[in-house]
Amino acid sequence: MKPYLMQMLKELAMLGAMNNKIEVSSVELATQLETSQQTASRYLLELDKEGFIQREFGVKKQRISITDQGVDALEEEYSHYKQIFELKSKVRFKGIVVSGLGEGKYYTEQPGYRQQFKQLLSIDPYPGTFNVEIKPIEKNKLRLLKHYGGIDIKEFSTKNRSFGSALCFNATVNGVKGAIVLPRRSHYSNVIEVISHHYLRDTLQIKDGDVVDVIVFVQ
């Protein structure tokens, strides 16, 4: 939604238009927004045409209520502000479930990793990782996470090869407990790898292409 329309929608909500029909004139709204009557009228017309409000016209004033579509837009705006102010304690990602290449099962079954996951994260991981693809722009949030430190998973070696270190954070996927694993040697990817006690696909009853919410705790 255009920023000026969102501002008008907020003002209407503050006047009580989410729960009731309010009587208000474009002059009163213009004063509230510190703009002209013509501009306020245009904003209302746009909101009406796009389905965010309903209007009934009287002689001098109009009765306005916010539609379900308008409420959804306000709730989304609230969610964005909430994420900003919660950023010090948690970071949120929204992405889609994707299948991996099967490497997660190999790594999570390594005793050197598994023992550290159990000791440091209190997670005995189900073999494999649960993969969530995020938008490329959200990779900036992964960079941000590294500034918070996280939980270090140390590198180790077996007779055959060495295994690199990783940075982990406690997390939830749609409310189910787990942890994200960020290999230190790899480049930033737009796929988040999650480990959990649970086989998350079955626990959450989801499949490839479904949208999930990942909340990463940084404190």
Protein backbone atom coordinates (compact mmCIF):
# COMPACT_ATOMS: atom_id res chain seq x y z
CA MET A 1 0.00 0.00 0.00
CA LYS A 2 1.16 3.53 -0.74
CA PRO A 3 2.53 5.20 2.41
CA TYR A 4 0.11 8.14 2.32
CA LEU A 5 -2.85 5.77 2.10
CA MET A 6 -1.57 3.79 5.05
CA GLN A 7 -1.27 7.01 7.05
CA MET A 8 -4.88 7.89 6.26
CA LEU A 9 -5.99 4.37 7.18
CA LYS A 10 -4.18 4.66 10.52
CA GLU A 11 -5.90 7.96 11.26
CA LEU A 12 -9.30 6.43 10.52
CA ALA A 13 -8.50 3.48 12.77
CA MET A 14 -7.46 5.83 15.58
CA LEU A 15 -10.84 7.54 15.24
CA GLY A 16 -12.58 4.18 15.75
CA ALA A 17 -13.36 3.13 12.17
CA MET A 18 -12.12 -0.43 12.69
CA ASN A 19 -15.06 -1.33 14.93
CA ASN A 20 -17.71 1.23 14.00
CA LYS A 21 -18.88 3.58 11.31
CA ILE A 22 -17.53 7.02 12.15
CA GLU A 23 -18.91 10.35 10.99
CA VAL A 24 -16.17 12.61 9.70
CA SER A 25 -15.64 15.24 7.03
CA SER A 26 -12.73 15.53 4.63
CA VAL A 27 -11.99 18.91 6.25
CA GLU A 28 -11.54 17.27 9.66
CA LEU A 29 -9.31 14.57 8.16
CA ALA A 30 -7.30 17.18 6.30
CA THR A 31 -6.68 19.01 9.57
CA GLN A 32 -5.63 15.74 11.21
CA LEU A 33 -3.17 14.97 8.41
CA GLU A 34 -2.04 18.58 8.03
CA THR A 35 -2.92 18.59 4.34
CA SER A 36 -5.53 20.17 2.06
CA GLN A 37 -9.18 19.14 1.87
CA GLN A 38 -8.70 18.15 -1.78
CA THR A 39 -5.80 15.86 -0.88
CA ALA A 40 -7.73 14.23 1.98
CA SER A 41 -10.70 13.65 -0.31
CA ARG A 42 -8.43 12.05 -2.91
CA TYR A 43 -6.92 9.72 -0.31
CA LEU A 44 -10.38 8.61 0.80
CA LEU A 45 -11.41 8.02 -2.80
CA GLU A 46 -8.35 5.83 -3.41
CA LEU A 47 -8.93 3.85 -0.21
CA ASP A 48 -12.55 3.33 -1.23
CA LYS A 49 -11.69 2.23 -4.78
CA GLU A 50 -9.08 -0.24 -3.53
CA GLY A 51 -11.49 -1.78 -1.06
CA PHE A 52 -9.87 -0.68 2.20
CA ILE A 53 -12.84 1.38 3.43
CA GLN A 54 -16.60 1.71 2.91
CA ARG A 55 -18.32 5.09 2.78
CA GLU A 56 -21.89 6.36 3.19
CA PHE A 57 -22.44 9.98 2.22
CA GLY A 58 -24.50 12.46 4.23
CA VAL A 59 -25.20 16.14 3.75
CA LYS A 60 -22.04 17.49 5.36
CA LYS A 61 -20.21 14.44 6.58
CA GLN A 62 -19.64 10.87 5.51
CA ARG A 63 -19.78 7.65 7.52
CA ILE A 64 -16.65 5.56 7.10
CA SER A 65 -15.74 2.07 8.24
CA ILE A 66 -12.60 0.03 7.58
CA THR A 67 -13.19 -3.19 5.64
CA ASP A 68 -11.66 -6.59 6.40
CA GLN A 69 -9.10 -5.86 3.69
CA GLY A 70 -8.21 -2.63 5.46
CA VAL A 71 -7.87 -4.41 8.80
CA ASP A 72 -5.53 -6.94 7.19
CA ALA A 73 -3.36 -4.10 5.85
CA LEU A 74 -3.17 -2.51 9.31
CA GLU A 75 -2.30 -5.83 10.93
CA GLU A 76 0.52 -6.32 8.44
CA GLU A 77 1.83 -2.82 9.18
CA TYR A 78 1.69 -3.59 12.91
CA SER A 79 3.60 -6.82 12.32
CA HIS A 80 6.39 -4.89 10.60
CA TYR A 81 6.72 -2.44 13.50
CA LYS A 82 6.65 -5.31 15.97
CA GLN A 83 9.53 -7.00 14.18
CA ILE A 84 11.58 -3.80 14.30
CA PHE A 85 11.16 -3.34 18.04
CA GLU A 86 11.69 -7.04 18.81
CA LEU A 87 14.89 -7.15 16.78
CA LYS A 88 17.08 -6.97 19.89
CA SER A 89 15.75 -10.28 21.16
CA LYS A 90 14.56 -12.14 18.08
CA VAL A 91 14.78 -12.10 14.30
CA ARG A 92 11.88 -13.28 12.15
CA PHE A 93 11.99 -14.92 8.75
CA LYS A 94 9.17 -15.99 6.49
CA GLY A 95 10.03 -18.49 3.79
CA ILE A 96 8.93 -21.56 1.90
CA VAL A 97 9.78 -25.18 2.63
CA VAL A 98 12.22 -26.72 0.15
CA SER A 99 13.97 -30.06 -0.18
CA GLY A 100 17.71 -30.29 0.34
CA LEU A 101 20.27 -32.50 -1.33
CA GLY A 102 20.33 -35.03 1.50
CA GLU A 103 23.62 -33.75 2.95
CA GLY A 104 21.94 -32.64 6.18
CA LYS A 105 21.32 -36.24 7.20
CA TYR A 106 25.01 -37.09 6.76
CA TYR A 107 26.18 -34.15 8.87
CA THR A 108 23.60 -34.40 11.67
CA GLU A 109 24.50 -38.07 12.15
CA GLN A 110 28.17 -37.27 12.75
CA PRO A 111 28.91 -37.93 16.47
CA GLY A 112 31.11 -34.81 16.63
CA TYR A 113 28.18 -32.59 15.68
CA ARG A 114 25.45 -34.56 17.39
CA GLN A 115 27.18 -34.50 20.76
CA GLN A 116 27.61 -30.73 20.61
CA PHE A 117 24.00 -30.20 19.54
CA LYS A 118 22.85 -32.23 22.53
CA GLN A 119 25.20 -30.52 24.97
CA LEU A 120 24.90 -26.90 23.81
CA LEU A 121 21.40 -26.74 22.32
CA SER A 122 19.67 -29.56 24.22
CA ILE A 123 18.66 -30.97 20.85
CA ASP A 124 19.18 -34.56 19.74
CA PRO A 125 18.48 -33.85 16.09
CA TYR A 126 16.26 -35.89 13.85
CA PRO A 127 18.56 -37.01 11.00
CA GLY A 128 18.61 -34.30 8.36
CA THR A 129 17.85 -30.62 8.23
CA PHE A 130 14.59 -28.81 7.59
CA ASN A 131 15.22 -26.26 4.85
CA VAL A 132 13.47 -22.91 4.47
CA GLU A 133 14.11 -20.70 1.45
CA ILE A 134 13.94 -16.97 2.21
CA LYS A 135 13.89 -13.95 -0.09
CA PRO A 136 17.40 -12.84 -1.15
CA ILE A 137 16.97 -9.48 0.59
CA GLU A 138 16.47 -11.29 3.92
CA LYS A 139 20.04 -12.59 3.75
CA ASN A 140 20.87 -9.26 5.41
CA LYS A 141 19.21 -10.62 8.54
CA LEU A 142 21.59 -13.60 8.49
CA ARG A 143 24.52 -11.19 8.42
CA LEU A 144 22.96 -9.38 11.37
CA LEU A 145 22.76 -12.62 13.35
CA LYS A 146 26.52 -13.11 13.27
CA HIS A 147 26.92 -9.84 15.18
CA TYR A 148 25.00 -11.38 18.07
CA GLY A 149 27.50 -14.21 18.56
CA GLY A 150 25.28 -17.25 18.79
CA ILE A 151 26.30 -20.70 20.01
CA ASP A 152 29.59 -22.03 18.65
CA ILE A 153 29.79 -25.55 17.28
CA LYS A 154 33.48 -26.45 17.13
CA GLU A 155 35.22 -28.06 14.18
CA PHE A 156 36.48 -31.62 14.56
CA SER A 157 38.18 -34.39 12.59
CA THR A 158 37.65 -38.07 12.02
CA LYS A 159 40.01 -40.61 10.46
CA ASN A 160 38.68 -39.78 7.03
CA ARG A 161 38.10 -36.02 6.99
CA SER A 162 37.61 -32.79 8.91
CA PHE A 163 34.29 -31.06 9.65
CA GLY A 164 33.95 -27.30 9.87
CA SER A 165 32.60 -25.13 12.67
CA ALA A 166 29.13 -23.58 12.72
CA LEU A 167 27.13 -20.91 14.49
CA CYS A 168 23.77 -21.89 15.93
CA PHE A 169 20.77 -20.05 17.36
CA ASN A 170 17.74 -21.41 19.15
CA ALA A 171 14.67 -21.00 16.98
CA THR A 172 11.11 -22.06 16.36
CA VAL A 173 9.35 -23.05 13.14
CA ASN A 174 5.64 -22.31 13.33
CA GLY A 175 6.07 -22.51 17.11
CA VAL A 176 7.95 -25.84 17.22
CA LYS A 177 11.35 -25.72 18.91
CA GLY A 178 14.57 -26.20 16.96
CA ALA A 179 17.75 -24.34 16.04
CA ILE A 180 19.23 -22.86 12.89
CA VAL A 181 22.73 -23.86 11.81
CA LEU A 182 24.98 -21.43 9.93
CA PRO A 183 28.16 -23.11 8.66
CA ARG A 184 31.04 -20.67 9.18
CA ARG A 185 32.90 -21.57 5.99
CA SER A 186 29.98 -21.28 3.59
CA HIS A 187 28.75 -18.15 1.83
CA TYR A 188 25.47 -16.61 2.88
CA SER A 189 22.70 -18.66 1.34
CA ASN A 190 19.02 -17.88 0.98
CA VAL A 191 18.22 -21.28 2.52
CA ILE A 192 18.03 -21.58 6.30
CA GLU A 193 18.88 -25.01 7.72
CA VAL A 194 16.96 -26.01 10.84
CA ILE A 195 17.56 -28.94 13.19
CA SER A 196 15.01 -30.22 15.67
CA HIS A 197 14.10 -33.18 17.86
CA HIS A 198 11.14 -33.59 15.55
CA TYR A 199 10.68 -34.56 11.93
CA LEU A 200 9.21 -31.14 11.25
CA ARG A 201 7.44 -32.02 8.01
CA ASP A 202 5.29 -34.55 9.85
CA THR A 203 4.95 -32.57 13.08
CA LEU A 204 3.79 -29.45 11.23
CA GLN A 205 2.03 -31.39 8.45
CA ILE A 206 3.70 -29.34 5.74
CA LYS A 207 5.33 -30.00 2.39
CA ASP A 208 7.54 -28.29 -0.20
CA GLY A 209 6.17 -24.89 -1.16
CA ASP A 210 4.33 -24.25 2.11
CA VAL A 211 5.04 -20.97 3.88
CA VAL A 212 6.47 -21.09 7.41
CA ASP A 213 7.54 -18.58 10.06
CA VAL A 214 10.98 -18.98 11.59
CA ILE A 215 11.74 -17.03 14.77
CA VAL A 216 15.42 -16.95 15.76
CA PHE A 217 16.27 -16.03 19.34
CA VAL A 218 19.43 -13.98 19.83
CA GLN A 219 19.39 -13.69 23.64
